[in-house]
Amino acid sequence: MKKPLKNSKDSNYKLTQQITAKKNQAKKRDPFKERGVKDYIDFLDTKLMTRFLNEQGKLLPARITGATSKMQRKLNTAIKRARHLAVIPFVSEGTRY
C-alpha cells in the first residue's frame, strides 16, 4: 500500500502541470463562423463544400477541419444533397479550387 504524501505541494504538482499545458494550446477556430455561416449551409456553394473534401471526394473529419459537431452534421447533409443533384461528384478527380 502506498503512503499518502504529507506535502500537499508535491501532490498538486502533476495537476498544475496539466493545467498549464492546456492553456498554451491554440484554440480551434470554427471555419463556418469565420465565413459568416450560422444556421444553413447552402448545398449549391461548391467552393465552400469542396474545402471539406479530400482528393478522392471523401468527407474530412471534424477534428481536421475544426468544425463543431452540429455544423459537421449540417455539412454532411449539404454535401449529400449536392451529390444527389450532381453539383458535386461522388468520386472526385479534380474538383479542388
Protein backbone atom coordinates (compact mmCIF):
# COMPACT_ATOMS: atom_id res chain seq x y z
CA MET A 1 0.00 0.00 0.00
CA LYS A 2 1.26 3.47 -0.89
CA LYS A 3 1.96 6.02 1.77
CA PRO A 4 -0.04 9.26 1.48
CA LEU A 5 2.05 12.29 0.66
CA LYS A 6 2.44 14.67 3.56
CA ASN A 7 3.36 17.66 1.46
CA SER A 8 0.33 18.93 -0.47
CA LYS A 9 2.64 20.82 -2.83
CA ASP A 10 4.02 17.54 -4.20
CA SER A 11 0.58 16.01 -4.72
CA ASN A 12 -0.67 19.00 -6.75
CA TYR A 13 2.44 19.23 -8.92
CA LYS A 14 1.19 16.97 -11.69
CA LEU A 15 -2.23 18.62 -11.74
CA THR A 16 -0.77 22.10 -12.16
CA GLN A 17 1.49 20.89 -14.97
CA GLN A 18 -1.52 19.54 -16.88
CA ILE A 19 -3.47 22.77 -16.45
CA THR A 20 -0.63 24.94 -17.73
CA ALA A 21 -0.13 22.69 -20.73
CA LYS A 22 -3.76 23.09 -21.75
CA LYS A 23 -3.59 26.88 -21.58
CA ASN A 24 -0.76 27.01 -24.10
CA GLN A 25 -2.67 25.12 -26.81
CA ALA A 26 -4.17 27.19 -29.59
CA LYS A 27 -7.95 27.22 -29.67
CA LYS A 28 -9.55 25.71 -32.76
CA ARG A 29 -11.44 28.18 -34.90
CA ASP A 30 -14.77 27.27 -36.44
CA PRO A 31 -14.42 27.68 -40.23
CA PHE A 32 -18.12 28.42 -40.63
CA LYS A 33 -18.14 31.29 -38.12
CA GLU A 34 -15.21 32.85 -39.98
CA ARG A 35 -17.25 32.87 -43.20
CA GLY A 36 -20.45 34.12 -41.53
CA VAL A 37 -22.42 30.85 -41.89
CA LYS A 38 -24.73 30.46 -38.91
CA ASP A 39 -27.72 28.22 -39.50
CA TYR A 40 -27.84 26.94 -43.04
CA ILE A 41 -25.12 25.62 -45.34
CA ASP A 42 -26.07 26.20 -48.95
CA PHE A 43 -25.65 22.97 -50.90
CA LEU A 44 -25.10 24.91 -54.14
CA ASP A 45 -21.98 26.61 -52.73
CA THR A 46 -19.44 24.19 -54.21
CA LYS A 47 -16.43 26.31 -53.35
CA LEU A 48 -17.20 26.09 -49.63
CA MET A 49 -18.03 22.39 -49.64
CA THR A 50 -15.04 21.19 -51.65
CA ARG A 51 -12.83 22.64 -48.92
CA PHE A 52 -14.14 19.89 -46.62
CA LEU A 53 -13.49 17.04 -49.09
CA ASN A 54 -10.22 15.26 -49.77
CA GLU A 55 -8.81 14.49 -53.21
CA GLN A 56 -10.96 11.36 -53.54
CA GLY A 57 -14.17 13.20 -52.68
CA LYS A 58 -14.48 11.83 -49.14
CA LEU A 59 -15.58 13.99 -46.22
CA LEU A 60 -12.86 15.19 -43.89
CA PRO A 61 -13.50 14.61 -40.17
CA ALA A 62 -14.32 17.47 -37.83
CA ARG A 63 -11.09 17.05 -35.88
CA ILE A 64 -9.16 18.03 -39.00
CA THR A 65 -11.44 20.80 -40.30
CA GLY A 66 -12.17 22.33 -36.90
CA ALA A 67 -15.95 22.35 -37.40
CA THR A 68 -18.27 21.83 -34.47
CA SER A 69 -20.29 18.63 -34.33
CA LYS A 70 -23.51 20.48 -35.13
CA MET A 71 -22.03 22.17 -38.20
CA GLN A 72 -20.36 18.93 -39.27
CA ARG A 73 -23.76 17.22 -39.36
CA LYS A 74 -25.19 20.09 -41.41
CA LEU A 75 -22.22 19.88 -43.73
CA ASN A 76 -22.81 16.15 -44.22
CA THR A 77 -26.42 16.70 -45.27
CA ALA A 78 -25.47 19.59 -47.56
CA ILE A 79 -22.79 17.54 -49.32
CA LYS A 80 -25.12 14.57 -49.71
CA ARG A 81 -27.80 16.82 -51.23
CA ALA A 82 -25.27 18.36 -53.60
CA ARG A 83 -24.10 14.91 -54.67
CA HIS A 84 -27.64 13.76 -55.43
CA LEU A 85 -28.27 16.86 -57.52
CA ALA A 86 -24.95 16.34 -59.35
CA VAL A 87 -23.46 19.63 -58.13
CA ILE A 88 -20.53 17.73 -56.59
CA PRO A 89 -19.39 14.37 -58.00
CA PHE A 90 -19.47 11.28 -55.78
CA VAL A 91 -15.93 10.33 -56.81
CA SER A 92 -13.76 13.35 -57.40
CA GLU A 93 -10.87 13.63 -59.82
CA GLY A 94 -10.17 17.35 -59.97
CA THR A 95 -12.86 19.37 -58.19
CA ARG A 96 -10.42 21.29 -55.99
CA TYR A 97 -10.36 25.08 -56.48
